[in-house]
Amino acid sequence: MTEFDIQKLLIAWFRKNYKNIPCFAIPNGEIRDKVTAARLKQSGTLAGIPDLLIADGSPGLFLEVKKSNGKLSLNQKVVIAQLKEQGYTVEVCYSYEEGKEIILNYLNKHKY
């Protein structure tokens, strides 16, 4: 299963079950032509930002989605450390089941 497949399943499950909490993708990882990549960088795209954000106001859960044998890039490691320093919960999942468990644990901790 690809990262896209895992992410797609997580988004569908989350939006079905938690309609009042924004959950959205941060599309940084697609292959783009040089002009588009430059425009996106100028508009604020930042390498290493996790794939998903659950914006529940406490302050939020960033979730990086990887396939089973995926590895974090150096940029991802740096950004994850920065986000954690700012008080965000940041997790990495390697399957749909693991991602769902991470989200449920996070929401249960914040009383949803």
Protein backbone atom coordinates (compact mmCIF):
# COMPACT_ATOMS: atom_id res chain seq x y z
CA MET A 1 0.00 0.00 0.00
CA THR A 2 1.37 3.44 -0.93
CA GLU A 3 1.48 6.52 1.28
CA PHE A 4 -1.29 7.97 -0.87
CA ASP A 5 -3.50 4.93 -0.28
CA ILE A 6 -2.93 5.06 3.49
CA GLN A 7 -3.56 8.80 3.62
CA LYS A 8 -6.71 8.52 1.50
CA LEU A 9 -8.15 5.86 3.85
CA LEU A 10 -7.28 7.89 6.95
CA ILE A 11 -8.92 11.04 5.58
CA ALA A 12 -12.09 9.16 4.57
CA TRP A 13 -12.35 7.44 7.98
CA PHE A 14 -11.65 10.66 9.91
CA ARG A 15 -14.09 12.82 7.98
CA LYS A 16 -16.83 10.21 8.35
CA ASN A 17 -16.37 9.98 12.13
CA TYR A 18 -15.27 13.49 13.16
CA LYS A 19 -17.22 15.94 11.03
CA ASN A 20 -16.63 18.91 13.37
CA ILE A 21 -12.82 18.70 13.48
CA PRO A 22 -10.86 19.95 10.46
CA CYS A 23 -8.44 17.39 9.07
CA PHE A 24 -6.58 18.18 5.90
CA ALA A 25 -3.61 17.28 3.75
CA ILE A 26 -0.58 19.49 3.31
CA PRO A 27 0.44 18.71 -0.28
CA ASN A 28 4.21 19.19 -0.23
CA GLY A 29 5.39 15.90 -1.68
CA GLU A 30 4.25 15.77 -5.28
CA ILE A 31 6.65 15.88 -8.21
CA ARG A 32 6.28 19.22 -10.00
CA ASP A 33 7.89 21.07 -12.85
CA LYS A 34 10.52 23.67 -11.86
CA VAL A 35 8.29 26.70 -12.41
CA THR A 36 5.47 25.31 -10.27
CA ALA A 37 7.92 24.18 -7.56
CA ALA A 38 9.46 27.67 -7.45
CA ARG A 39 6.04 29.35 -7.22
CA LEU A 40 4.95 27.04 -4.41
CA LYS A 41 8.18 27.63 -2.49
CA GLN A 42 7.70 31.41 -2.83
CA SER A 43 4.14 31.05 -1.53
CA GLY A 44 5.26 29.22 1.62
CA THR A 45 5.66 25.54 0.84
CA LEU A 46 8.24 24.10 3.22
CA ALA A 47 10.07 20.80 2.74
CA GLY A 48 9.59 18.38 5.60
CA ILE A 49 6.11 19.44 6.74
CA PRO A 50 4.04 16.36 7.70
CA ASP A 51 1.28 15.12 5.41
CA LEU A 52 -1.82 15.71 7.57
CA LEU A 53 -2.98 18.15 10.21
CA ILE A 54 -5.85 17.55 12.60
CA ALA A 55 -6.68 21.08 13.73
CA ASP A 56 -8.56 20.50 16.95
CA GLY A 57 -7.13 23.53 18.77
CA SER A 58 -5.09 21.71 21.39
CA PRO A 59 -2.84 22.75 19.43
CA GLY A 60 -3.12 19.98 16.84
CA LEU A 61 -1.81 16.68 15.54
CA PHE A 62 0.56 16.53 12.58
CA LEU A 63 0.77 13.08 11.02
CA GLU A 64 3.47 11.97 8.59
CA VAL A 65 2.30 9.02 6.49
CA LYS A 66 4.85 6.48 5.26
CA LYS A 67 4.53 3.10 3.59
CA SER A 68 5.69 0.11 5.62
CA ASN A 69 9.37 0.47 4.67
CA GLY A 70 9.38 4.28 4.40
CA LYS A 71 12.03 6.46 6.00
CA LEU A 72 11.98 10.07 7.15
CA SER A 73 14.10 12.54 5.21
CA LEU A 74 16.50 14.87 7.01
CA ASN A 75 14.10 17.79 6.34
CA GLN A 76 11.25 15.81 7.89
CA LYS A 77 13.30 15.00 11.00
CA VAL A 78 14.23 18.67 11.45
CA VAL A 79 10.67 19.97 10.95
CA ILE A 80 9.18 17.31 13.23
CA ALA A 81 11.60 18.32 15.99
CA GLN A 82 10.70 22.01 15.48
CA LEU A 83 6.96 21.32 15.60
CA LYS A 84 7.35 19.27 18.78
CA GLU A 85 9.33 22.12 20.36
CA GLN A 86 6.34 24.38 19.60
CA GLY A 87 3.99 22.03 21.49
CA TYR A 88 2.40 20.16 18.61
CA THR A 89 1.86 16.45 18.71
CA VAL A 90 3.69 14.95 15.73
CA GLU A 91 3.56 11.26 14.87
CA VAL A 92 4.64 9.03 12.00
CA CYS A 93 2.52 6.10 10.85
CA TYR A 94 3.47 3.25 8.55
CA SER A 95 0.01 1.78 7.91
CA TYR A 96 -3.67 2.72 7.94
CA GLU A 97 -4.21 0.78 11.16
CA GLU A 98 -1.30 2.50 12.91
CA GLY A 99 -2.47 5.93 11.72
CA LYS A 100 -5.99 5.30 12.96
CA GLU A 101 -4.63 4.16 16.34
CA ILE A 102 -2.45 7.28 16.64
CA ILE A 103 -5.41 9.53 15.83
CA LEU A 104 -7.74 7.74 18.26
CA ASN A 105 -5.15 7.93 21.05
CA TYR A 106 -4.64 11.63 20.38
CA LEU A 107 -8.36 12.39 20.33
CA ASN A 108 -9.01 10.31 23.47
CA LYS A 109 -6.24 12.24 25.25
CA HIS A 110 -7.98 15.48 24.27
CA LYS A 111 -11.45 14.16 25.26
CA TYR A 112 -13.16 13.60 21.91
